[in-house]
N, C-alpha and C. Protein backbone atom coordinates (compact mmCIF):
# COMPACT_ATOMS: atom_id res chain seq x y z
N MET A 1 19.96 15.49 10.01
CA MET A 1 19.37 13.95 9.35
C MET A 1 20.25 13.72 8.35
N SER A 2 20.89 12.37 8.71
CA SER A 2 21.59 11.94 7.69
C SER A 2 20.93 11.63 6.39
N THR A 3 20.85 12.38 5.42
CA THR A 3 20.34 12.50 3.82
C THR A 3 21.45 11.36 3.27
N GLU A 4 22.38 11.17 3.62
CA GLU A 4 23.37 9.61 3.02
C GLU A 4 22.60 8.40 3.66
N LEU A 5 22.53 8.29 4.70
CA LEU A 5 21.62 6.78 4.84
C LEU A 5 20.55 6.76 4.29
N VAL A 6 19.59 8.03 3.96
CA VAL A 6 18.45 7.59 3.60
C VAL A 6 18.84 7.51 1.68
N LYS A 7 19.81 8.28 1.46
CA LYS A 7 20.35 7.74 -0.05
C LYS A 7 20.54 6.39 -0.26
N LYS A 8 21.36 5.98 0.94
CA LYS A 8 21.87 4.61 0.91
C LYS A 8 20.67 3.87 1.13
N ALA A 9 19.77 3.73 1.65
CA ALA A 9 18.68 2.92 1.66
C ALA A 9 17.71 3.05 0.41
N ALA A 10 17.51 3.85 0.28
CA ALA A 10 16.68 3.90 -1.51
C ALA A 10 17.51 3.35 -2.56
N GLU A 11 19.04 3.26 -2.84
CA GLU A 11 19.63 2.76 -3.89
C GLU A 11 19.67 1.59 -3.61
N TYR A 12 19.29 0.89 -2.48
CA TYR A 12 20.00 -0.40 -1.82
C TYR A 12 18.21 -0.87 -2.27
N VAL A 13 17.23 -0.39 -2.08
CA VAL A 13 15.74 -0.88 -2.04
C VAL A 13 15.47 -1.46 -3.63
N LYS A 14 16.10 -0.44 -4.53
CA LYS A 14 15.81 -0.05 -6.00
C LYS A 14 16.61 -1.57 -6.36
N LYS A 15 17.78 -1.63 -5.79
CA LYS A 15 18.13 -3.19 -6.28
C LYS A 15 17.21 -3.99 -6.19
N LYS A 16 16.84 -4.19 -4.59
CA LYS A 16 16.44 -5.35 -4.03
C LYS A 16 14.68 -5.24 -4.80
N LEU A 17 14.08 -4.58 -5.49
CA LEU A 17 12.60 -4.47 -5.90
C LEU A 17 12.60 -3.93 -6.96
N TYR A 18 13.57 -3.56 -7.63
CA TYR A 18 13.42 -3.40 -9.58
C TYR A 18 12.92 -4.40 -10.13
N GLY A 19 11.58 -4.23 -10.64
CA GLY A 19 10.94 -5.45 -11.68
C GLY A 19 10.83 -6.85 -10.50
N GLU A 20 10.53 -6.05 -9.30
CA GLU A 20 9.72 -7.52 -8.68
C GLU A 20 8.16 -7.57 -9.20
N PRO A 21 7.74 -9.01 -9.09
CA PRO A 21 6.37 -8.62 -10.09
C PRO A 21 5.34 -8.67 -8.99
N THR A 22 4.98 -8.64 -8.08
CA THR A 22 3.66 -8.79 -7.09
C THR A 22 3.15 -7.48 -7.11
N GLY A 23 3.74 -5.79 -7.77
CA GLY A 23 3.08 -4.76 -7.61
C GLY A 23 3.87 -4.09 -7.05
N HIS A 24 4.49 -4.85 -5.95
CA HIS A 24 5.62 -3.91 -4.86
C HIS A 24 6.79 -3.62 -5.39
N TYR A 25 6.86 -3.19 -6.22
CA TYR A 25 8.14 -3.10 -6.97
C TYR A 25 8.65 -1.57 -6.75
N TRP A 26 10.08 -1.40 -7.22
CA TRP A 26 10.68 -0.04 -7.20
C TRP A 26 9.60 1.34 -7.36
N TYR A 27 9.03 1.50 -8.34
CA TYR A 27 8.40 2.69 -8.89
C TYR A 27 7.07 2.73 -7.85
N HIS A 28 6.69 1.61 -7.31
CA HIS A 28 5.50 1.70 -6.18
C HIS A 28 6.27 2.20 -5.03
N VAL A 29 7.64 1.68 -4.75
CA VAL A 29 8.07 2.42 -3.33
C VAL A 29 8.52 4.06 -3.54
N GLN A 30 8.98 4.03 -4.13
CA GLN A 30 9.37 5.85 -4.99
C GLN A 30 8.35 6.47 -4.61
N ARG A 31 7.38 5.82 -5.04
CA ARG A 31 5.92 6.90 -4.87
C ARG A 31 5.68 7.10 -3.70
N VAL A 32 5.82 5.65 -2.77
CA VAL A 32 5.13 5.83 -1.30
C VAL A 32 5.98 6.95 -0.27
N TRP A 33 7.44 6.68 -1.19
CA TRP A 33 8.54 7.62 -0.50
C TRP A 33 8.27 8.97 -0.78
N LYS A 34 7.54 9.36 -1.98
CA LYS A 34 7.66 10.75 -2.63
C LYS A 34 6.19 11.41 -1.75
N MET A 35 5.20 10.58 -1.47
CA MET A 35 4.16 10.94 -1.02
C MET A 35 4.30 11.35 0.80
N SER A 36 5.06 10.54 1.06
CA SER A 36 5.26 10.48 2.53
C SER A 36 5.89 11.59 3.13
N LYS A 37 6.67 12.10 1.92
CA LYS A 37 7.49 13.27 2.12
C LYS A 37 6.68 14.72 2.27
N ARG A 38 5.79 14.69 0.86
CA ARG A 38 4.79 15.22 0.79
C ARG A 38 3.26 15.44 2.10
N LEU A 39 3.45 14.45 2.75
CA LEU A 39 2.57 14.14 3.80
C LEU A 39 2.97 14.76 5.14
N GLN A 40 4.50 14.58 5.47
CA GLN A 40 5.40 15.00 6.21
C GLN A 40 5.44 16.67 6.54
N ALA A 41 5.13 17.60 5.11
CA ALA A 41 5.69 18.47 4.95
C ALA A 41 4.39 19.12 5.90
N GLU A 42 3.33 18.45 5.64
CA GLU A 42 2.06 19.04 6.07
C GLU A 42 1.74 18.97 7.46
N GLU A 43 1.95 17.79 7.89
CA GLU A 43 1.75 17.12 8.97
C GLU A 43 2.61 16.78 10.55
N GLY A 44 4.01 17.12 9.71
CA GLY A 44 5.07 16.95 10.40
C GLY A 44 5.81 15.30 10.92
N GLY A 45 6.31 15.49 11.97
CA GLY A 45 6.97 13.89 11.90
C GLY A 45 8.30 14.01 12.07
N ASP A 46 9.05 12.56 12.48
CA ASP A 46 10.09 12.60 11.95
C ASP A 46 10.71 12.05 10.72
N VAL A 47 11.25 13.06 9.67
CA VAL A 47 11.31 12.96 8.67
C VAL A 47 12.36 11.69 8.30
N GLN A 48 13.42 11.84 8.92
CA GLN A 48 14.08 10.62 8.39
C GLN A 48 13.93 8.81 8.73
N ILE A 49 13.03 8.78 10.23
CA ILE A 49 11.80 8.02 9.89
C ILE A 49 11.26 7.66 9.03
N ILE A 50 10.51 8.24 8.66
CA ILE A 50 9.20 7.99 7.83
C ILE A 50 9.75 7.93 6.46
N GLU A 51 11.01 8.49 6.05
CA GLU A 51 11.60 8.16 4.72
C GLU A 51 12.30 6.62 5.05
N LEU A 52 12.61 6.40 5.76
CA LEU A 52 13.08 5.13 6.21
C LEU A 52 12.15 3.72 6.07
N ALA A 53 10.91 4.09 6.69
CA ALA A 53 9.96 3.39 6.93
C ALA A 53 9.22 3.18 5.23
N ALA A 54 8.97 4.37 4.84
CA ALA A 54 8.55 4.53 3.27
C ALA A 54 9.44 3.72 2.23
N LEU A 55 10.98 3.69 2.64
CA LEU A 55 11.50 3.15 1.40
C LEU A 55 11.45 1.73 1.54
N MET A 56 11.50 1.18 2.84
CA MET A 56 11.85 -0.59 3.36
C MET A 56 10.68 -1.25 3.75
N HIS A 57 9.55 -0.39 3.14
CA HIS A 57 8.00 -0.71 3.85
C HIS A 57 7.99 -2.46 3.62
N ASP A 58 8.03 -2.72 2.25
CA ASP A 58 8.41 -3.85 1.38
C ASP A 58 9.22 -4.77 1.35
N LEU A 59 10.30 -4.55 2.26
CA LEU A 59 11.16 -5.19 1.98
C LEU A 59 11.12 -6.78 2.92
N GLY A 60 10.23 -6.73 3.56
CA GLY A 60 9.84 -7.57 4.89
C GLY A 60 8.78 -8.06 4.18
N ASP A 61 7.82 -7.70 2.99
CA ASP A 61 6.39 -8.27 2.74
C ASP A 61 5.98 -10.05 2.72
N ASN A 62 5.43 -9.94 3.62
CA ASN A 62 5.07 -11.50 4.29
C ASN A 62 4.66 -12.28 2.62
N SER A 63 4.16 -11.71 2.10
CA SER A 63 3.56 -12.18 0.82
C SER A 63 4.61 -12.46 -0.15
N MET A 64 5.48 -12.06 0.23
CA MET A 64 6.76 -12.85 -0.93
C MET A 64 7.48 -14.28 0.25
N TYR A 65 7.48 -14.16 1.54
CA TYR A 65 7.06 -15.49 2.23
C TYR A 65 6.31 -16.04 2.56
N GLU A 66 5.41 -17.10 1.80
CA GLU A 66 4.08 -17.46 2.09
C GLU A 66 3.58 -16.91 3.47
N LEU A 67 3.32 -15.73 3.55
CA LEU A 67 2.62 -14.89 4.95
C LEU A 67 3.30 -15.09 5.84
N ASP A 68 4.43 -15.80 6.07
CA ASP A 68 4.84 -15.54 7.32
C ASP A 68 5.64 -14.46 7.81
N GLU A 69 4.91 -14.03 8.69
CA GLU A 69 5.33 -12.67 9.69
C GLU A 69 6.91 -12.73 9.86
N LYS A 70 7.18 -13.69 10.51
CA LYS A 70 8.07 -13.58 11.44
C LYS A 70 9.44 -13.96 9.89
N LYS A 71 9.33 -14.44 9.48
CA LYS A 71 10.27 -14.67 8.27
C LYS A 71 10.60 -13.57 7.30
N GLY A 72 9.33 -12.62 7.30
CA GLY A 72 9.35 -11.13 6.38
C GLY A 72 10.30 -10.09 7.46
N PHE A 73 9.84 -10.44 8.91
CA PHE A 73 10.68 -9.46 9.80
C PHE A 73 11.88 -10.02 9.76
N LEU A 74 12.21 -11.49 10.06
CA LEU A 74 14.01 -11.31 10.18
C LEU A 74 14.40 -10.99 8.76
N VAL A 75 13.99 -10.71 7.54
CA VAL A 75 14.35 -10.75 6.12
C VAL A 75 14.69 -8.97 6.59
N LEU A 76 13.74 -8.21 6.65
CA LEU A 76 13.80 -6.82 6.95
C LEU A 76 14.47 -6.42 7.93
N ARG A 77 14.84 -7.18 9.16
CA ARG A 77 15.83 -6.62 10.21
C ARG A 77 17.50 -6.91 9.56
N GLY A 78 17.60 -8.29 8.66
CA GLY A 78 18.22 -8.22 8.45
C GLY A 78 19.25 -7.33 7.59
N MET A 79 18.46 -7.05 6.50
CA MET A 79 18.23 -5.90 5.50
C MET A 79 18.81 -4.19 6.37
N MET A 80 17.82 -4.37 7.38
CA MET A 80 18.27 -2.84 7.95
C MET A 80 19.89 -3.06 8.68
N ASP A 81 20.17 -4.00 8.98
CA ASP A 81 21.27 -4.35 9.26
C ASP A 81 22.36 -4.16 8.48
N VAL A 82 22.06 -4.35 7.60
CA VAL A 82 23.19 -4.26 6.15
C VAL A 82 23.45 -3.09 6.04
N LEU A 83 22.41 -1.84 5.99
CA LEU A 83 22.25 -0.74 5.86
C LEU A 83 22.49 0.08 7.12
N GLU A 84 23.04 -0.45 7.85
CA GLU A 84 23.84 0.17 9.95
C GLU A 84 22.79 0.99 10.16
N ILE A 85 21.35 1.02 9.73
CA ILE A 85 20.84 1.70 10.63
C ILE A 85 20.58 1.24 12.20
N GLU A 86 20.53 2.38 12.83
CA GLU A 86 20.62 1.62 14.37
C GLU A 86 19.54 1.61 15.12
N SER A 87 19.53 0.78 16.08
CA SER A 87 18.71 -0.40 16.88
C SER A 87 17.26 0.48 16.69
N ASN A 88 17.68 1.47 17.70
CA ASN A 88 16.13 2.54 18.29
C ASN A 88 15.18 2.62 16.75
N GLN A 89 16.23 3.16 15.79
CA GLN A 89 15.43 3.17 14.41
C GLN A 89 15.13 2.38 13.84
N GLN A 90 15.46 1.15 14.22
CA GLN A 90 14.82 -0.27 13.69
C GLN A 90 13.57 -0.34 13.97
N GLU A 91 13.66 -0.46 15.45
CA GLU A 91 12.48 -0.70 16.37
C GLU A 91 11.56 0.11 15.98
N LYS A 92 11.63 0.93 15.24
CA LYS A 92 10.53 2.45 14.98
C LYS A 92 10.02 1.77 13.76
N ILE A 93 10.49 1.77 13.10
CA ILE A 93 10.72 1.42 11.30
C ILE A 93 9.96 -0.31 11.10
N ILE A 94 10.31 -0.99 12.45
CA ILE A 94 9.66 -2.78 12.54
C ILE A 94 7.77 -2.15 12.90
N GLU A 95 7.93 -1.61 13.78
CA GLU A 95 6.88 -1.21 14.37
C GLU A 95 5.44 -0.65 12.90
N ILE A 96 6.06 0.21 12.43
CA ILE A 96 5.56 1.10 11.23
C ILE A 96 4.74 0.29 10.14
N VAL A 97 6.21 -0.44 10.00
CA VAL A 97 5.54 -1.84 8.77
C VAL A 97 4.57 -2.56 9.42
N ASP A 98 4.75 -2.95 10.75
CA ASP A 98 3.90 -4.20 11.32
C ASP A 98 2.31 -3.90 11.22
N GLU A 99 1.96 -2.11 11.20
CA GLU A 99 0.96 -1.30 11.63
C GLU A 99 0.51 -0.97 10.09
N LEU A 100 0.83 -1.14 9.22
CA LEU A 100 0.87 -0.58 8.16
C LEU A 100 -0.12 -1.24 7.19
N ARG A 101 -0.31 -2.44 7.56
CA ARG A 101 -0.68 -3.57 5.99
C ARG A 101 -2.47 -2.68 6.31
N TYR A 102 -3.12 -3.30 4.88
CA TYR A 102 -4.47 -3.14 5.28
C TYR A 102 -4.93 -4.75 5.41
N LEU A 103 -5.80 -4.87 6.51
CA LEU A 103 -5.96 -6.73 6.51
C LEU A 103 -7.54 -6.68 6.71
N GLY A 104 -8.14 -5.89 5.59
CA GLY A 104 -9.77 -6.22 5.81
C GLY A 104 -10.21 -5.39 6.85
N ASP A 105 -11.47 -5.81 7.41
CA ASP A 105 -12.32 -4.79 8.40
C ASP A 105 -11.43 -5.06 9.54
N THR A 106 -10.52 -5.40 9.66
CA THR A 106 -9.88 -5.17 11.26
C THR A 106 -8.96 -4.39 10.84
N THR A 107 -8.64 -3.63 10.07
CA THR A 107 -7.49 -2.68 9.18
C THR A 107 -7.52 -1.78 10.86
N LYS A 108 -6.39 -1.26 11.59
CA LYS A 108 -6.21 -0.64 12.22
C LYS A 108 -5.53 0.91 11.91
N SER A 109 -5.49 2.20 12.35
CA SER A 109 -4.18 3.14 12.40
C SER A 109 -3.20 2.62 13.25
N ALA A 110 -2.05 3.03 12.41
CA ALA A 110 -0.78 2.81 13.38
C ALA A 110 -1.26 3.84 14.05
N SER A 111 0.14 3.31 15.29
CA SER A 111 0.30 4.19 16.54
C SER A 111 1.18 5.08 16.28
N LEU A 112 2.02 5.24 15.26
CA LEU A 112 2.94 6.73 15.47
C LEU A 112 2.32 7.43 14.67
N LEU A 113 2.75 8.79 14.70
CA LEU A 113 2.13 9.56 13.43
C LEU A 113 3.48 9.43 12.37
N GLU A 114 4.57 9.22 12.35
CA GLU A 114 5.01 8.31 11.30
C GLU A 114 4.53 7.43 10.68
N GLY A 115 4.21 6.91 11.59
CA GLY A 115 3.67 4.93 10.56
C GLY A 115 2.30 5.68 10.05
N ARG A 116 1.36 6.92 10.42
CA ARG A 116 0.30 7.15 9.81
C ARG A 116 0.36 7.66 8.87
N ILE A 117 1.97 8.32 8.65
CA ILE A 117 1.91 9.39 7.48
C ILE A 117 2.20 8.36 6.19
N VAL A 118 3.09 7.39 6.57
CA VAL A 118 3.51 6.20 5.68
C VAL A 118 2.50 5.41 5.18
N GLN A 119 1.50 5.00 6.50
CA GLN A 119 0.00 4.10 6.20
C GLN A 119 -0.64 5.18 5.26
N ASP A 120 -0.69 6.09 5.70
CA ASP A 120 -1.76 7.12 4.16
C ASP A 120 -1.03 6.84 2.84
N ALA A 121 0.35 7.20 2.91
CA ALA A 121 0.92 6.98 1.23
C ALA A 121 0.85 5.93 0.42
N ASP A 122 1.25 4.80 1.40
CA ASP A 122 0.77 3.11 0.93
C ASP A 122 -0.64 3.35 0.35
N TRP A 123 -1.82 3.71 1.07
CA TRP A 123 -3.20 3.45 1.09
C TRP A 123 -3.36 3.96 -0.06
N LEU A 124 -3.05 5.38 -0.28
CA LEU A 124 -3.28 6.21 -1.55
C LEU A 124 -2.86 5.31 -2.87
N GLU A 125 -1.68 4.71 -2.76
CA GLU A 125 -1.72 3.65 -4.14
C GLU A 125 -2.83 2.88 -4.51
N SER A 126 -3.64 2.25 -3.84
CA SER A 126 -4.82 2.13 -3.90
C SER A 126 -6.08 2.90 -4.84
N LEU A 127 -5.98 4.02 -4.80
CA LEU A 127 -6.68 4.96 -5.34
C LEU A 127 -6.65 5.79 -6.95
N GLY A 128 -7.38 6.63 -7.42
CA GLY A 128 -7.13 6.91 -8.43
C GLY A 128 -6.75 6.18 -9.65
N ALA A 129 -6.13 6.79 -10.79
CA ALA A 129 -5.22 6.17 -11.67
C ALA A 129 -4.17 4.59 -11.61
N ILE A 130 -3.32 5.36 -10.70
CA ILE A 130 -2.41 4.66 -10.30
C ILE A 130 -3.14 2.95 -9.83
N GLY A 131 -4.12 3.54 -8.82
CA GLY A 131 -5.13 2.15 -8.22
C GLY A 131 -5.50 1.39 -8.89
N ILE A 132 -6.23 2.35 -10.38
CA ILE A 132 -6.73 1.43 -11.23
C ILE A 132 -5.73 0.50 -11.93
N ALA A 133 -4.62 0.61 -12.42
CA ALA A 133 -3.68 0.05 -13.10
C ALA A 133 -3.44 -1.28 -11.94
N ARG A 134 -2.76 -0.61 -10.94
CA ARG A 134 -2.67 -1.74 -9.72
C ARG A 134 -3.48 -2.89 -9.64
N ILE A 135 -4.71 -2.96 -9.25
CA ILE A 135 -5.60 -3.80 -8.79
C ILE A 135 -6.44 -4.56 -10.08
N PHE A 136 -5.90 -3.78 -11.40
CA PHE A 136 -6.29 -4.98 -12.59
C PHE A 136 -4.89 -5.61 -13.07
N SER A 137 -3.82 -4.62 -12.87
CA SER A 137 -2.45 -5.64 -12.99
C SER A 137 -2.64 -6.87 -11.98
N THR A 138 -2.82 -6.65 -10.59
CA THR A 138 -3.09 -7.67 -9.63
C THR A 138 -4.04 -8.94 -10.30
N GLY A 139 -5.27 -8.51 -10.28
CA GLY A 139 -6.29 -8.94 -10.58
C GLY A 139 -5.72 -10.57 -11.63
N GLY A 140 -5.18 -9.54 -12.93
CA GLY A 140 -4.39 -10.64 -13.93
C GLY A 140 -3.14 -11.43 -13.38
N ARG A 141 -2.67 -11.25 -12.19
CA ARG A 141 -1.24 -12.09 -11.93
C ARG A 141 -2.14 -13.59 -10.98
N ILE A 142 -3.12 -12.93 -10.10
CA ILE A 142 -3.74 -13.87 -9.40
C ILE A 142 -4.99 -15.01 -10.21
N ARG A 143 -4.97 -14.47 -11.01
CA ARG A 143 -5.94 -15.23 -11.92
C ARG A 143 -7.77 -14.97 -11.49
N ARG A 144 -8.12 -13.54 -11.47
CA ARG A 144 -9.23 -12.53 -10.72
C ARG A 144 -10.23 -12.58 -11.82
N VAL A 145 -10.83 -12.37 -12.05
CA VAL A 145 -11.44 -12.02 -13.00
C VAL A 145 -11.75 -10.30 -13.45
N ILE A 146 -12.14 -10.15 -14.46
CA ILE A 146 -12.11 -8.54 -14.24
C ILE A 146 -13.07 -8.07 -13.75
N TYR A 147 -14.51 -8.59 -14.19
CA TYR A 147 -15.90 -8.49 -13.69
C TYR A 147 -16.54 -9.33 -13.97
N ASP A 148 -17.48 -9.64 -13.07
CA ASP A 148 -19.09 -10.43 -13.23
C ASP A 148 -20.20 -9.98 -12.47
N PRO A 149 -21.06 -10.00 -13.32
CA PRO A 149 -22.45 -8.97 -12.21
C PRO A 149 -22.72 -10.05 -11.76
N ASN A 150 -22.94 -11.88 -11.65
CA ASN A 150 -23.15 -12.63 -11.20
C ASN A 150 -22.26 -12.48 -9.87
N ILE A 151 -21.04 -12.17 -9.53
CA ILE A 151 -20.22 -12.63 -8.03
C ILE A 151 -20.81 -10.68 -7.52
N SER A 152 -21.30 -11.32 -6.42
CA SER A 152 -21.49 -9.85 -5.16
C SER A 152 -19.87 -9.64 -4.83
N ILE A 153 -20.50 -8.11 -4.32
CA ILE A 153 -19.61 -7.58 -3.88
C ILE A 153 -19.61 -8.37 -2.25
N ARG A 154 -18.53 -8.22 -1.65
CA ARG A 154 -18.28 -8.43 -0.32
C ARG A 154 -18.11 -7.38 0.67
N HIS A 155 -18.98 -6.82 1.16
CA HIS A 155 -19.06 -5.48 2.00
C HIS A 155 -18.43 -5.88 3.19
N LYS A 156 -18.22 -7.06 3.86
CA LYS A 156 -17.20 -7.29 4.56
C LYS A 156 -16.39 -8.44 4.36
N LEU A 157 -15.15 -7.93 5.17
CA LEU A 157 -14.06 -8.85 4.11
C LEU A 157 -13.48 -8.82 5.15
N THR A 158 -13.35 -10.21 5.82
CA THR A 158 -12.41 -10.72 7.25
C THR A 158 -10.90 -10.46 6.60
N THR A 159 -10.03 -10.77 7.36
CA THR A 159 -8.49 -10.98 7.41
C THR A 159 -8.51 -11.97 6.47
N ARG A 160 -8.63 -12.90 7.00
CA ARG A 160 -8.63 -13.85 6.24
C ARG A 160 -8.93 -14.10 4.59
N ASP A 161 -10.33 -13.65 4.38
CA ASP A 161 -10.68 -13.61 2.78
C ASP A 161 -9.66 -12.99 2.22
N TYR A 162 -8.84 -11.52 2.99
CA TYR A 162 -8.10 -10.48 2.15
C TYR A 162 -7.34 -11.12 1.73
N LEU A 163 -6.23 -11.73 2.83
CA LEU A 163 -4.89 -12.71 2.97
C LEU A 163 -5.15 -14.23 1.96
N TYR A 164 -6.64 -14.71 1.81
CA TYR A 164 -6.34 -15.94 1.11
C TYR A 164 -7.10 -15.96 0.16
N HIS A 165 -8.48 -15.00 0.03
CA HIS A 165 -9.29 -15.14 -0.93
C HIS A 165 -9.46 -14.32 -1.84
N LYS A 166 -8.55 -13.63 -2.46
CA LYS A 166 -8.53 -12.20 -2.81
C LYS A 166 -8.95 -12.48 -4.95
N SER A 167 -8.54 -13.67 -4.97
CA SER A 167 -9.67 -14.37 -6.36
C SER A 167 -10.24 -14.36 -6.41
N SER A 168 -11.13 -14.54 -5.54
CA SER A 168 -12.51 -15.27 -4.85
C SER A 168 -13.41 -14.13 -5.82
N GLY A 169 -13.31 -13.05 -5.76
CA GLY A 169 -14.05 -11.82 -6.45
C GLY A 169 -13.95 -11.00 -7.36
N THR A 170 -14.24 -9.88 -8.05
CA THR A 170 -13.98 -9.78 -9.28
C THR A 170 -12.83 -8.48 -8.62
N SER A 171 -11.95 -8.05 -9.76
CA SER A 171 -11.36 -6.76 -10.10
C SER A 171 -12.20 -5.45 -10.09
N LEU A 172 -13.32 -5.45 -10.12
CA LEU A 172 -13.98 -4.17 -10.41
C LEU A 172 -14.60 -4.28 -8.85
N ASN A 173 -15.43 -5.64 -7.99
CA ASN A 173 -15.86 -5.12 -7.14
C ASN A 173 -14.60 -5.05 -5.89
N TYR A 174 -13.33 -5.26 -6.44
CA TYR A 174 -12.59 -4.60 -5.30
C TYR A 174 -12.37 -3.31 -4.76
N PHE A 175 -12.67 -2.50 -5.95
CA PHE A 175 -12.88 -1.02 -5.66
C PHE A 175 -13.80 -0.60 -4.42
N TYR A 176 -14.70 -1.47 -4.05
CA TYR A 176 -15.64 -1.41 -3.39
C TYR A 176 -15.16 -2.19 -1.79
N GLU A 177 -14.55 -3.33 -2.09
CA GLU A 177 -14.24 -4.13 -1.09
C GLU A 177 -12.99 -3.21 -0.44
N LYS A 178 -11.97 -2.80 -0.94
CA LYS A 178 -11.25 -2.17 -0.91
C LYS A 178 -10.59 -0.76 -0.57
N SER A 179 -10.81 -0.12 -1.95
CA SER A 179 -10.41 1.32 -2.24
C SER A 179 -11.32 1.84 -2.01
N PHE A 180 -12.62 1.91 -1.69
CA PHE A 180 -13.42 3.05 -1.33
C PHE A 180 -13.66 3.11 0.49
N LYS A 181 -13.37 2.26 0.86
CA LYS A 181 -13.29 2.12 2.34
C LYS A 181 -11.91 2.59 2.88
N LEU A 182 -10.56 2.40 1.85
CA LEU A 182 -9.25 3.32 2.58
C LEU A 182 -9.48 4.72 2.39
N ALA A 183 -10.11 5.36 1.38
CA ALA A 183 -10.44 7.08 1.49
C ALA A 183 -10.92 7.34 2.71
N LYS A 184 -12.22 6.62 3.37
CA LYS A 184 -12.52 7.11 4.67
C LYS A 184 -11.71 6.66 6.04
N MET A 185 -10.42 5.95 5.14
CA MET A 185 -9.72 5.45 6.62
C MET A 185 -8.33 6.37 7.00
N MET A 186 -8.43 7.09 5.79
CA MET A 186 -7.22 8.28 5.76
C MET A 186 -6.98 9.00 7.22
N ASN A 187 -5.37 9.12 7.95
CA ASN A 187 -5.48 9.45 9.24
C ASN A 187 -5.28 11.02 8.97
N THR A 188 -4.12 11.38 7.68
CA THR A 188 -4.10 12.81 8.05
C THR A 188 -5.27 13.33 6.98
N LYS A 189 -5.36 14.99 7.48
CA LYS A 189 -5.69 15.80 6.69
C LYS A 189 -5.77 15.69 5.37
N THR A 190 -4.17 16.13 4.99
CA THR A 190 -3.55 15.93 3.90
C THR A 190 -3.77 14.93 2.90
N ALA A 191 -3.47 13.95 3.21
CA ALA A 191 -4.00 11.99 2.69
C ALA A 191 -5.54 12.40 2.30
N GLN A 192 -6.87 12.45 3.16
CA GLN A 192 -8.34 12.72 3.40
C GLN A 192 -8.25 13.44 1.87
N GLN A 193 -7.60 15.17 1.75
CA GLN A 193 -7.71 15.38 0.28
C GLN A 193 -7.78 15.15 -0.57
N ILE A 194 -6.07 14.35 -0.81
CA ILE A 194 -5.64 13.52 -1.91
C ILE A 194 -6.75 12.75 -2.01
N ALA A 195 -6.69 11.87 -1.27
CA ALA A 195 -7.81 10.58 -1.38
C ALA A 195 -9.02 10.70 -2.08
N TRP A 196 -10.02 11.92 -1.74
CA TRP A 196 -11.46 12.06 -1.84
C TRP A 196 -11.17 12.73 -3.81
N LYS A 197 -9.91 13.02 -3.83
CA LYS A 197 -9.97 14.16 -5.51
C LYS A 197 -9.75 12.72 -6.45
N ARG A 198 -9.15 11.54 -5.84
CA ARG A 198 -9.05 10.49 -6.73
C ARG A 198 -9.90 9.39 -6.51
N ILE A 199 -10.81 9.40 -5.35
CA ILE A 199 -12.20 8.75 -5.38
C ILE A 199 -12.97 9.16 -6.56
N LYS A 200 -12.97 10.65 -6.69
CA LYS A 200 -13.52 10.99 -7.76
C LYS A 200 -13.80 10.21 -8.86
N TYR A 201 -12.10 10.51 -9.36
CA TYR A 201 -11.70 9.81 -10.47
C TYR A 201 -11.94 8.15 -10.67
N LEU A 202 -12.04 7.54 -9.58
CA LEU A 202 -12.56 6.00 -9.67
C LEU A 202 -13.81 6.13 -10.13
N GLU A 203 -14.77 6.80 -9.16
CA GLU A 203 -16.38 6.75 -9.50
C GLU A 203 -16.70 6.78 -10.96
N SER A 204 -15.58 7.86 -11.36
CA SER A 204 -16.07 8.18 -12.96
C SER A 204 -15.84 7.01 -14.08
N PHE A 205 -14.41 6.17 -13.16
CA PHE A 205 -14.02 5.55 -14.45
C PHE A 205 -15.03 4.00 -14.25
N ILE A 206 -15.37 3.39 -12.95
CA ILE A 206 -16.63 2.90 -12.96
C ILE A 206 -17.73 2.80 -13.59
N GLU A 207 -18.10 4.13 -13.41
CA GLU A 207 -19.69 4.51 -14.60
C GLU A 207 -19.23 4.38 -15.69
N GLU A 208 -18.07 4.39 -16.71
CA GLU A 208 -18.01 4.31 -17.89
C GLU A 208 -17.44 3.02 -18.39
N PHE A 209 -16.92 2.20 -17.09
CA PHE A 209 -16.71 0.86 -17.22
C PHE A 209 -18.23 0.12 -17.38
N LEU A 210 -19.04 0.36 -16.45
CA LEU A 210 -20.07 -0.10 -16.88
C LEU A 210 -21.13 0.02 -17.83
N ASN A 211 -20.85 1.30 -17.92
CA ASN A 211 -21.82 1.78 -19.34
C ASN A 211 -20.97 1.04 -20.34
N GLU A 212 -19.93 0.62 -20.40
CA GLU A 212 -19.30 0.27 -21.92
C GLU A 212 -19.56 -1.54 -22.01
N TRP A 213 -19.83 -1.82 -20.38
CA TRP A 213 -19.72 -3.45 -20.17
C TRP A 213 -21.71 -3.64 -20.69
N LYS A 214 -22.45 -2.62 -20.33
CA LYS A 214 -24.14 -2.63 -20.95
C LYS A 214 -24.04 -2.24 -22.17
N CYS A 215 -22.98 -1.91 -23.12
CA CYS A 215 -23.23 -1.46 -24.65
C CYS A 215 -23.79 -0.37 -24.58
N GLU A 216 -23.99 0.40 -23.18
CA GLU A 216 -24.49 2.02 -23.59
C GLU A 216 -23.84 3.02 -24.31
N ARG A 217 -22.20 2.38 -24.31
CA ARG A 217 -21.78 3.72 -24.58
C ARG A 217 -20.73 3.07 -25.58
């Protein structure tokens, strides 16, 4: 395996995404990268493809390109060309990134084992303490209210709702609309075990939040 290529990719991605404001900044990518390696050690798969896909999974994020998937993938391919990633590896990385995203109730598991590992690593970012921080941070950026007891949880979330109506609900409801669902969708046994530990933390946080909201604590 070319550790030099992975190192080069990491340095490149860090420069591109450091300080990026949408929550898909370098430290998010770094955590997905580390978690992907942790999952690969238990679950197997091509470690170089996993590392490269984890590092590059947000470079073509279409939320930065008016949700234009074609533009996002053109950007990603261009960046992979800069890094001189072989064409056969590029195709696998594109497939992994294409299948990675959560898209509401129509979300499917990735086809490749490598994709399922990176998908799990990315999804784990929506759980636990990091998940709480990211959801409330994003909520503030898109002007979504923290909580309103008069706004119901959207138990069914279409792809259109997820992509275009994130600010319609509340940040607290978002744990039910996405986070708790992701815990049940983890592909690998290792990720499932990590997810349920983080879910316990989320549940305790929500309980405390609601008790404080009602001034009972």
